[in-house]
Amino acid sequence: PVSVKGAEANSVFSYLSEQHGEPSWNFNKYL
């Protein structure tokens, strides 16, 4: 388990969020 949004998001989700926004809820999918 990791944090996927906000300041505590891990590096993977920080990168994903920069390009297409952070997860709005569980089971968001990034291609």
PDB file of all heavy atoms in Angstrom:
ATOM      1  N   PRO A   1       0.809  -1.225   0.000  1.00  0.00           N
ATOM      2  CA  PRO A   1       0.000   0.000   0.000  1.00  0.00           C
ATOM      3  C   PRO A   1       0.842   1.274   0.000  1.00  0.00           C
ATOM      4  O   PRO A   1       1.874   1.358   0.673  1.00  0.00           O
ATOM      5  CB  PRO A   1      -0.814  -0.130   1.288  1.00  0.00           C
ATOM      6  CG  PRO A   1      -0.935  -1.610   1.494  1.00  0.00           C
ATOM      7  CD  PRO A   1       0.391  -2.165   1.052  1.00  0.00           C
ATOM      8  N   VAL A   2       0.389   2.246  -0.790  1.00  0.00           N
ATOM      9  CA  VAL A   2       1.069   3.536  -0.901  1.00  0.00           C
ATOM     10  C   VAL A   2       0.018   4.645  -0.938  1.00  0.00           C
ATOM     11  O   VAL A   2      -1.177   4.393  -1.097  1.00  0.00           O
ATOM     12  CB  VAL A   2       1.925   3.629  -2.186  1.00  0.00           C
ATOM     13  CG1 VAL A   2       3.052   2.609  -2.167  1.00  0.00           C
ATOM     14  CG2 VAL A   2       1.053   3.461  -3.436  1.00  0.00           C
ATOM     15  N   SER A   3       0.486   5.866  -0.820  1.00  0.00           N
ATOM     16  CA  SER A   3      -0.382   7.019  -1.047  1.00  0.00           C
ATOM     17  C   SER A   3      -0.328   7.359  -2.536  1.00  0.00           C
ATOM     18  O   SER A   3       0.738   7.294  -3.156  1.00  0.00           O
ATOM     19  CB  SER A   3       0.096   8.208  -0.218  1.00  0.00           C
ATOM     20  OG  SER A   3      -0.769   9.312  -0.411  1.00  0.00           O
ATOM     21  N   VAL A   4      -1.487   7.696  -3.104  1.00  0.00           N
ATOM     22  CA  VAL A   4      -1.539   7.923  -4.550  1.00  0.00           C
ATOM     23  C   VAL A   4      -1.957   9.348  -4.916  1.00  0.00           C
ATOM     24  O   VAL A   4      -2.044   9.668  -6.106  1.00  0.00           O
ATOM     25  CB  VAL A   4      -2.493   6.909  -5.223  1.00  0.00           C
ATOM     26  CG1 VAL A   4      -2.000   5.496  -5.028  1.00  0.00           C
ATOM     27  CG2 VAL A   4      -3.930   7.068  -4.700  1.00  0.00           C
ATOM     28  N   LYS A   5      -2.185  10.185  -3.933  1.00  0.00           N
ATOM     29  CA  LYS A   5      -2.577  11.564  -4.258  1.00  0.00           C
ATOM     30  C   LYS A   5      -2.055  12.524  -3.193  1.00  0.00           C
ATOM     31  O   LYS A   5      -1.674  12.121  -2.095  1.00  0.00           O
ATOM     32  CB  LYS A   5      -4.096  11.694  -4.388  1.00  0.00           C
ATOM     33  CG  LYS A   5      -4.893  11.480  -3.116  1.00  0.00           C
ATOM     34  CD  LYS A   5      -6.394  11.505  -3.405  1.00  0.00           C
ATOM     35  CE  LYS A   5      -7.227  11.422  -2.116  1.00  0.00           C
ATOM     36  NZ  LYS A   5      -7.188  12.661  -1.338  1.00  0.00           N
ATOM     37  N   GLY A   6      -2.012  13.778  -3.562  1.00  0.00           N
ATOM     38  CA  GLY A   6      -1.546  14.793  -2.627  1.00  0.00           C
ATOM     39  C   GLY A   6      -0.039  14.811  -2.464  1.00  0.00           C
ATOM     40  O   GLY A   6       0.705  14.159  -3.203  1.00  0.00           O
ATOM     41  N   ALA A   7       0.399  15.514  -1.441  1.00  0.00           N
ATOM     42  CA  ALA A   7       1.837  15.704  -1.214  1.00  0.00           C
ATOM     43  C   ALA A   7       2.548  14.411  -0.853  1.00  0.00           C
ATOM     44  O   ALA A   7       3.757  14.281  -1.043  1.00  0.00           O
ATOM     45  CB  ALA A   7       2.049  16.743  -0.109  1.00  0.00           C
ATOM     46  N   GLU A   8       1.806  13.435  -0.319  1.00  0.00           N
ATOM     47  CA  GLU A   8       2.415  12.182   0.115  1.00  0.00           C
ATOM     48  C   GLU A   8       2.412  11.100  -0.980  1.00  0.00           C
ATOM     49  O   GLU A   8       2.850   9.972  -0.740  1.00  0.00           O
ATOM     50  CB  GLU A   8       1.675  11.640   1.343  1.00  0.00           C
ATOM     51  CG  GLU A   8       1.697  12.565   2.544  1.00  0.00           C
ATOM     52  CD  GLU A   8       3.116  12.846   3.012  1.00  0.00           C
ATOM     53  OE1 GLU A   8       3.923  11.885   3.042  1.00  0.00           O
ATOM     54  OE2 GLU A   8       3.417  14.004   3.329  1.00  0.00           O
ATOM     55  N   ALA A   9       1.919  11.429  -2.153  1.00  0.00           N
ATOM     56  CA  ALA A   9       1.848  10.436  -3.231  1.00  0.00           C
ATOM     57  C   ALA A   9       3.236   9.905  -3.576  1.00  0.00           C
ATOM     58  O   ALA A   9       4.219  10.661  -3.572  1.00  0.00           O
ATOM     59  CB  ALA A   9       1.205  11.053  -4.469  1.00  0.00           C
ATOM     60  N   ASN A  10       3.315   8.609  -3.857  1.00  0.00           N
ATOM     61  CA  ASN A  10       4.618   8.054  -4.233  1.00  0.00           C
ATOM     62  C   ASN A  10       5.007   8.567  -5.620  1.00  0.00           C
ATOM     63  O   ASN A  10       4.200   9.176  -6.337  1.00  0.00           O
ATOM     64  CB  ASN A  10       4.617   6.519  -4.153  1.00  0.00           C
ATOM     65  CG  ASN A  10       4.019   5.867  -5.369  1.00  0.00           C
ATOM     66  OD1 ASN A  10       3.199   6.438  -6.066  1.00  0.00           O
ATOM     67  ND2 ASN A  10       4.418   4.629  -5.617  1.00  0.00           N
ATOM     68  N   SER A  11       6.251   8.354  -5.992  1.00  0.00           N
ATOM     69  CA  SER A  11       6.797   8.972  -7.212  1.00  0.00           C
ATOM     70  C   SER A  11       6.036   8.567  -8.464  1.00  0.00           C
ATOM     71  O   SER A  11       5.872   9.364  -9.394  1.00  0.00           O
ATOM     72  CB  SER A  11       8.273   8.610  -7.366  1.00  0.00           C
ATOM     73  OG  SER A  11       8.448   7.208  -7.516  1.00  0.00           O
ATOM     74  N   VAL A  12       5.547   7.333  -8.506  1.00  0.00           N
ATOM     75  CA  VAL A  12       4.824   6.856  -9.689  1.00  0.00           C
ATOM     76  C   VAL A  12       3.557   7.669  -9.904  1.00  0.00           C
ATOM     77  O   VAL A  12       3.292   8.187 -10.998  1.00  0.00           O
ATOM     78  CB  VAL A  12       4.480   5.353  -9.559  1.00  0.00           C
ATOM     79  CG1 VAL A  12       3.593   4.907 -10.720  1.00  0.00           C
ATOM     80  CG2 VAL A  12       5.750   4.518  -9.507  1.00  0.00           C
ATOM     81  N   PHE A  13       2.769   7.831  -8.846  1.00  0.00           N
ATOM     82  CA  PHE A  13       1.505   8.544  -8.990  1.00  0.00           C
ATOM     83  C   PHE A  13       1.695  10.048  -9.089  1.00  0.00           C
ATOM     84  O   PHE A  13       0.860  10.745  -9.684  1.00  0.00           O
ATOM     85  CB  PHE A  13       0.536   8.155  -7.872  1.00  0.00           C
ATOM     86  CG  PHE A  13      -0.167   6.862  -8.156  1.00  0.00           C
ATOM     87  CD1 PHE A  13       0.416   5.650  -7.819  1.00  0.00           C
ATOM     88  CD2 PHE A  13      -1.384   6.844  -8.818  1.00  0.00           C
ATOM     89  CE1 PHE A  13      -0.207   4.443  -8.115  1.00  0.00           C
ATOM     90  CE2 PHE A  13      -2.021   5.649  -9.122  1.00  0.00           C
ATOM     91  CZ  PHE A  13      -1.437   4.445  -8.771  1.00  0.00           C
ATOM     92  N   SER A  14       2.769  10.562  -8.557  1.00  0.00           N
ATOM     93  CA  SER A  14       3.085  11.978  -8.773  1.00  0.00           C
ATOM     94  C   SER A  14       3.324  12.222 -10.258  1.00  0.00           C
ATOM     95  O   SER A  14       2.836  13.209 -10.835  1.00  0.00           O
ATOM     96  CB  SER A  14       4.326  12.382  -7.970  1.00  0.00           C
ATOM     97  OG  SER A  14       4.062  12.359  -6.593  1.00  0.00           O
ATOM     98  N   TYR A  15       4.054  11.294 -10.871  1.00  0.00           N
ATOM     99  CA  TYR A  15       4.345  11.395 -12.309  1.00  0.00           C
ATOM    100  C   TYR A  15       3.068  11.264 -13.138  1.00  0.00           C
ATOM    101  O   TYR A  15       2.816  12.047 -14.054  1.00  0.00           O
ATOM    102  CB  TYR A  15       5.342  10.307 -12.683  1.00  0.00           C
ATOM    103  CG  TYR A  15       5.624  10.186 -14.155  1.00  0.00           C
ATOM    104  CD1 TYR A  15       6.497  11.073 -14.793  1.00  0.00           C
ATOM    105  CD2 TYR A  15       5.028   9.182 -14.919  1.00  0.00           C
ATOM    106  CE1 TYR A  15       6.755  10.957 -16.152  1.00  0.00           C
ATOM    107  CE2 TYR A  15       5.291   9.056 -16.272  1.00  0.00           C
ATOM    108  CZ  TYR A  15       6.156   9.944 -16.888  1.00  0.00           C
ATOM    109  OH  TYR A  15       6.409   9.822 -18.238  1.00  0.00           O
ATOM    110  N   LEU A  16       2.238  10.282 -12.808  1.00  0.00           N
ATOM    111  CA  LEU A  16       0.983  10.085 -13.536  1.00  0.00           C
ATOM    112  C   LEU A  16       0.067  11.294 -13.393  1.00  0.00           C
ATOM    113  O   LEU A  16      -0.548  11.754 -14.362  1.00  0.00           O
ATOM    114  CB  LEU A  16       0.267   8.835 -13.012  1.00  0.00           C
ATOM    115  CG  LEU A  16       1.006   7.489 -13.142  1.00  0.00           C
ATOM    116  CD1 LEU A  16       0.210   6.397 -12.444  1.00  0.00           C
ATOM    117  CD2 LEU A  16       1.250   7.128 -14.604  1.00  0.00           C
ATOM    118  N   SER A  17       0.002  11.830 -12.175  1.00  0.00           N
ATOM    119  CA  SER A  17      -0.896  12.953 -11.902  1.00  0.00           C
ATOM    120  C   SER A  17      -0.464  14.212 -12.629  1.00  0.00           C
ATOM    121  O   SER A  17      -1.305  15.021 -13.056  1.00  0.00           O
ATOM    122  CB  SER A  17      -0.950  13.219 -10.389  1.00  0.00           C
ATOM    123  OG  SER A  17      -1.469  12.091  -9.708  1.00  0.00           O
ATOM    124  N   GLU A  18       0.831  14.407 -12.773  1.00  0.00           N
ATOM    125  CA  GLU A  18       1.341  15.584 -13.481  1.00  0.00           C
ATOM    126  C   GLU A  18       0.852  15.603 -14.925  1.00  0.00           C
ATOM    127  O   GLU A  18       0.622  16.671 -15.497  1.00  0.00           O
ATOM    128  CB  GLU A  18       2.870  15.600 -13.453  1.00  0.00           C
ATOM    129  CG  GLU A  18       3.463  15.987 -12.112  1.00  0.00           C
ATOM    130  CD  GLU A  18       4.975  15.843 -12.099  1.00  0.00           C
ATOM    131  OE1 GLU A  18       5.547  15.491 -13.160  1.00  0.00           O
ATOM    132  OE2 GLU A  18       5.586  16.092 -11.045  1.00  0.00           O
ATOM    133  N   GLN A  19       0.687  14.424 -15.519  1.00  0.00           N
ATOM    134  CA  GLN A  19       0.304  14.356 -16.927  1.00  0.00           C
ATOM    135  C   GLN A  19      -1.203  14.259 -17.142  1.00  0.00           C
ATOM    136  O   GLN A  19      -1.728  14.823 -18.103  1.00  0.00           O
ATOM    137  CB  GLN A  19       0.995  13.160 -17.591  1.00  0.00           C
ATOM    138  CG  GLN A  19       2.511  13.289 -17.623  1.00  0.00           C
ATOM    139  CD  GLN A  19       3.138  12.296 -18.580  1.00  0.00           C
ATOM    140  OE1 GLN A  19       2.690  12.103 -19.700  1.00  0.00           O
ATOM    141  NE2 GLN A  19       4.213  11.651 -18.132  1.00  0.00           N
ATOM    142  N   HIS A  20      -1.899  13.538 -16.254  1.00  0.00           N
ATOM    143  CA  HIS A  20      -3.333  13.338 -16.487  1.00  0.00           C
ATOM    144  C   HIS A  20      -4.192  13.448 -15.224  1.00  0.00           C
ATOM    145  O   HIS A  20      -5.301  12.908 -15.190  1.00  0.00           O
ATOM    146  CB  HIS A  20      -3.571  11.980 -17.164  1.00  0.00           C
ATOM    147  CG  HIS A  20      -3.349  12.018 -18.650  1.00  0.00           C
ATOM    148  ND1 HIS A  20      -4.324  12.421 -19.531  1.00  0.00           N
ATOM    149  CD2 HIS A  20      -2.257  11.736 -19.403  1.00  0.00           C
ATOM    150  CE1 HIS A  20      -3.844  12.362 -20.769  1.00  0.00           C
ATOM    151  NE2 HIS A  20      -2.598  11.964 -20.709  1.00  0.00           N
ATOM    152  N   GLY A  21      -3.688  14.132 -14.227  1.00  0.00           N
ATOM    153  CA  GLY A  21      -4.496  14.357 -13.028  1.00  0.00           C
ATOM    154  C   GLY A  21      -4.414  13.213 -12.039  1.00  0.00           C
ATOM    155  O   GLY A  21      -4.193  12.058 -12.410  1.00  0.00           O
ATOM    156  N   GLU A  22      -4.598  13.525 -10.747  1.00  0.00           N
ATOM    157  CA  GLU A  22      -4.510  12.500  -9.725  1.00  0.00           C
ATOM    158  C   GLU A  22      -5.783  11.666  -9.672  1.00  0.00           C
ATOM    159  O   GLU A  22      -6.833  12.074 -10.197  1.00  0.00           O
ATOM    160  CB  GLU A  22      -4.210  13.116  -8.359  1.00  0.00           C
ATOM    161  CG  GLU A  22      -5.310  14.008  -7.808  1.00  0.00           C
ATOM    162  CD  GLU A  22      -4.914  14.612  -6.473  1.00  0.00           C
ATOM    163  OE1 GLU A  22      -3.728  14.616  -6.125  1.00  0.00           O
ATOM    164  OE2 GLU A  22      -5.828  15.090  -5.759  1.00  0.00           O
ATOM    165  N   PRO A  23      -5.710  10.488  -9.074  1.00  0.00           N
ATOM    166  CA  PRO A  23      -6.893   9.621  -9.018  1.00  0.00           C
ATOM    167  C   PRO A  23      -8.066  10.322  -8.346  1.00  0.00           C
ATOM    168  O   PRO A  23      -7.911  10.966  -7.310  1.00  0.00           O
ATOM    169  CB  PRO A  23      -6.424   8.428  -8.182  1.00  0.00           C
ATOM    170  CG  PRO A  23      -4.936   8.428  -8.330  1.00  0.00           C
ATOM    171  CD  PRO A  23      -4.541   9.870  -8.417  1.00  0.00           C
ATOM    172  N   SER A  24      -9.244  10.182  -8.954  1.00  0.00           N
ATOM    173  CA  SER A  24     -10.453  10.791  -8.386  1.00  0.00           C
ATOM    174  C   SER A  24     -11.128   9.857  -7.388  1.00  0.00           C
ATOM    175  O   SER A  24     -11.940  10.282  -6.570  1.00  0.00           O
ATOM    176  CB  SER A  24     -11.436  11.135  -9.508  1.00  0.00           C
ATOM    177  OG  SER A  24     -11.742   9.982 -10.278  1.00  0.00           O
ATOM    178  N   TRP A  25     -10.782   8.555  -7.473  1.00  0.00           N
ATOM    179  CA  TRP A  25     -11.336   7.539  -6.586  1.00  0.00           C
ATOM    180  C   TRP A  25     -10.524   6.273  -6.789  1.00  0.00           C
ATOM    181  O   TRP A  25      -9.553   6.243  -7.562  1.00  0.00           O
ATOM    182  CB  TRP A  25     -12.817   7.315  -6.909  1.00  0.00           C
ATOM    183  CG  TRP A  25     -13.580   6.500  -5.892  1.00  0.00           C
ATOM    184  CD1 TRP A  25     -14.134   5.276  -6.089  1.00  0.00           C
ATOM    185  CD2 TRP A  25     -13.855   6.852  -4.528  1.00  0.00           C
ATOM    186  NE1 TRP A  25     -14.749   4.832  -4.934  1.00  0.00           N
ATOM    187  CE2 TRP A  25     -14.596   5.782  -3.954  1.00  0.00           C
ATOM    188  CE3 TRP A  25     -13.555   7.957  -3.736  1.00  0.00           C
ATOM    189  CZ2 TRP A  25     -15.030   5.786  -2.630  1.00  0.00           C
ATOM    190  CZ3 TRP A  25     -13.986   7.966  -2.421  1.00  0.00           C
ATOM    191  CH2 TRP A  25     -14.717   6.895  -1.883  1.00  0.00           C
ATOM    192  N   ASN A  26     -10.882   5.210  -6.071  1.00  0.00           N
ATOM    193  CA  ASN A  26     -10.206   3.928  -6.258  1.00  0.00           C
ATOM    194  C   ASN A  26     -10.449   3.393  -7.682  1.00  0.00           C
ATOM    195  O   ASN A  26     -11.453   3.697  -8.315  1.00  0.00           O
ATOM    196  CB  ASN A  26     -10.733   2.897  -5.260  1.00  0.00           C
ATOM    197  CG  ASN A  26     -10.569   3.361  -3.832  1.00  0.00           C
ATOM    198  OD1 ASN A  26      -9.497   3.760  -3.404  1.00  0.00           O
ATOM    199  ND2 ASN A  26     -11.667   3.323  -3.067  1.00  0.00           N
ATOM    200  N   PHE A  27      -9.523   2.596  -8.135  1.00  0.00           N
ATOM    201  CA  PHE A  27      -9.606   1.926  -9.435  1.00  0.00           C
ATOM    202  C   PHE A  27      -9.652   2.893 -10.620  1.00  0.00           C
ATOM    203  O   PHE A  27     -10.295   2.622 -11.631  1.00  0.00           O
ATOM    204  CB  PHE A  27     -10.777   0.931  -9.475  1.00  0.00           C
ATOM    205  CG  PHE A  27     -10.503  -0.303  -8.660  1.00  0.00           C
ATOM    206  CD1 PHE A  27     -10.849  -0.340  -7.306  1.00  0.00           C
ATOM    207  CD2 PHE A  27      -9.871  -1.402  -9.213  1.00  0.00           C
ATOM    208  CE1 PHE A  27     -10.566  -1.462  -6.530  1.00  0.00           C
ATOM    209  CE2 PHE A  27      -9.582  -2.524  -8.451  1.00  0.00           C
ATOM    210  CZ  PHE A  27      -9.927  -2.557  -7.103  1.00  0.00           C
ATOM    211  N   ASN A  28      -8.929   4.023 -10.465  1.00  0.00           N
ATOM    212  CA  ASN A  28      -8.597   4.789 -11.655  1.00  0.00           C
ATOM    213  C   ASN A  28      -7.508   4.019 -12.384  1.00  0.00           C
ATOM    214  O   ASN A  28      -6.705   3.316 -11.759  1.00  0.00           O
ATOM    215  CB  ASN A  28      -8.097   6.180 -11.289  1.00  0.00           C
ATOM    216  CG  ASN A  28      -9.218   7.193 -11.083  1.00  0.00           C
ATOM    217  OD1 ASN A  28      -9.016   8.387 -11.230  1.00  0.00           O
ATOM    218  ND2 ASN A  28     -10.418   6.728 -10.745  1.00  0.00           N
ATOM    219  N   LYS A  29      -7.493   4.149 -13.682  1.00  0.00           N
ATOM    220  CA  LYS A  29      -6.546   3.367 -14.494  1.00  0.00           C
ATOM    221  C   LYS A  29      -5.749   4.313 -15.385  1.00  0.00           C
ATOM    222  O   LYS A  29      -6.333   5.169 -16.065  1.00  0.00           O
ATOM    223  CB  LYS A  29      -7.301   2.335 -15.344  1.00  0.00           C
ATOM    224  CG  LYS A  29      -8.220   1.439 -14.508  1.00  0.00           C
ATOM    225  CD  LYS A  29      -9.352   0.877 -15.335  1.00  0.00           C
ATOM    226  CE  LYS A  29     -10.416   0.240 -14.451  1.00  0.00           C
ATOM    227  NZ  LYS A  29     -11.237   1.283 -13.738  1.00  0.00           N
ATOM    228  N   TYR A  30      -4.441   4.134 -15.387  1.00  0.00           N
ATOM    229  CA  TYR A  30      -3.556   4.959 -16.215  1.00  0.00           C
ATOM    230  C   TYR A  30      -2.878   4.063 -17.245  1.00  0.00           C
ATOM    231  O   TYR A  30      -2.219   3.078 -16.885  1.00  0.00           O
ATOM    232  CB  TYR A  30      -2.493   5.635 -15.362  1.00  0.00           C
ATOM    233  CG  TYR A  30      -3.010   6.666 -14.378  1.00  0.00           C
ATOM    234  CD1 TYR A  30      -3.517   6.275 -13.140  1.00  0.00           C
ATOM    235  CD2 TYR A  30      -2.976   8.034 -14.682  1.00  0.00           C
ATOM    236  CE1 TYR A  30      -3.982   7.215 -12.229  1.00  0.00           C
ATOM    237  CE2 TYR A  30      -3.439   8.977 -13.767  1.00  0.00           C
ATOM    238  CZ  TYR A  30      -3.939   8.562 -12.552  1.00  0.00           C
ATOM    239  OH  TYR A  30      -4.396   9.485 -11.646  1.00  0.00           O
ATOM    240  N   LEU A  31      -3.025   4.419 -18.504  1.00  0.00           N
ATOM    241  CA  LEU A  31      -2.357   3.679 -19.574  1.00  0.00           C
ATOM    242  C   LEU A  31      -1.099   4.436 -19.966  1.00  0.00           C
ATOM    243  O   LEU A  31      -1.147   5.625 -20.317  1.00  0.00           O
ATOM    244  CB  LEU A  31      -3.288   3.523 -20.779  1.00  0.00           C
ATOM    245  CG  LEU A  31      -2.741   2.714 -21.955  1.00  0.00           C
ATOM    246  CD1 LEU A  31      -2.433   1.277 -21.541  1.00  0.00           C
ATOM    247  CD2 LEU A  31      -3.725   2.733 -23.124  1.00  0.00           C
TER     248      LEU A  31
END
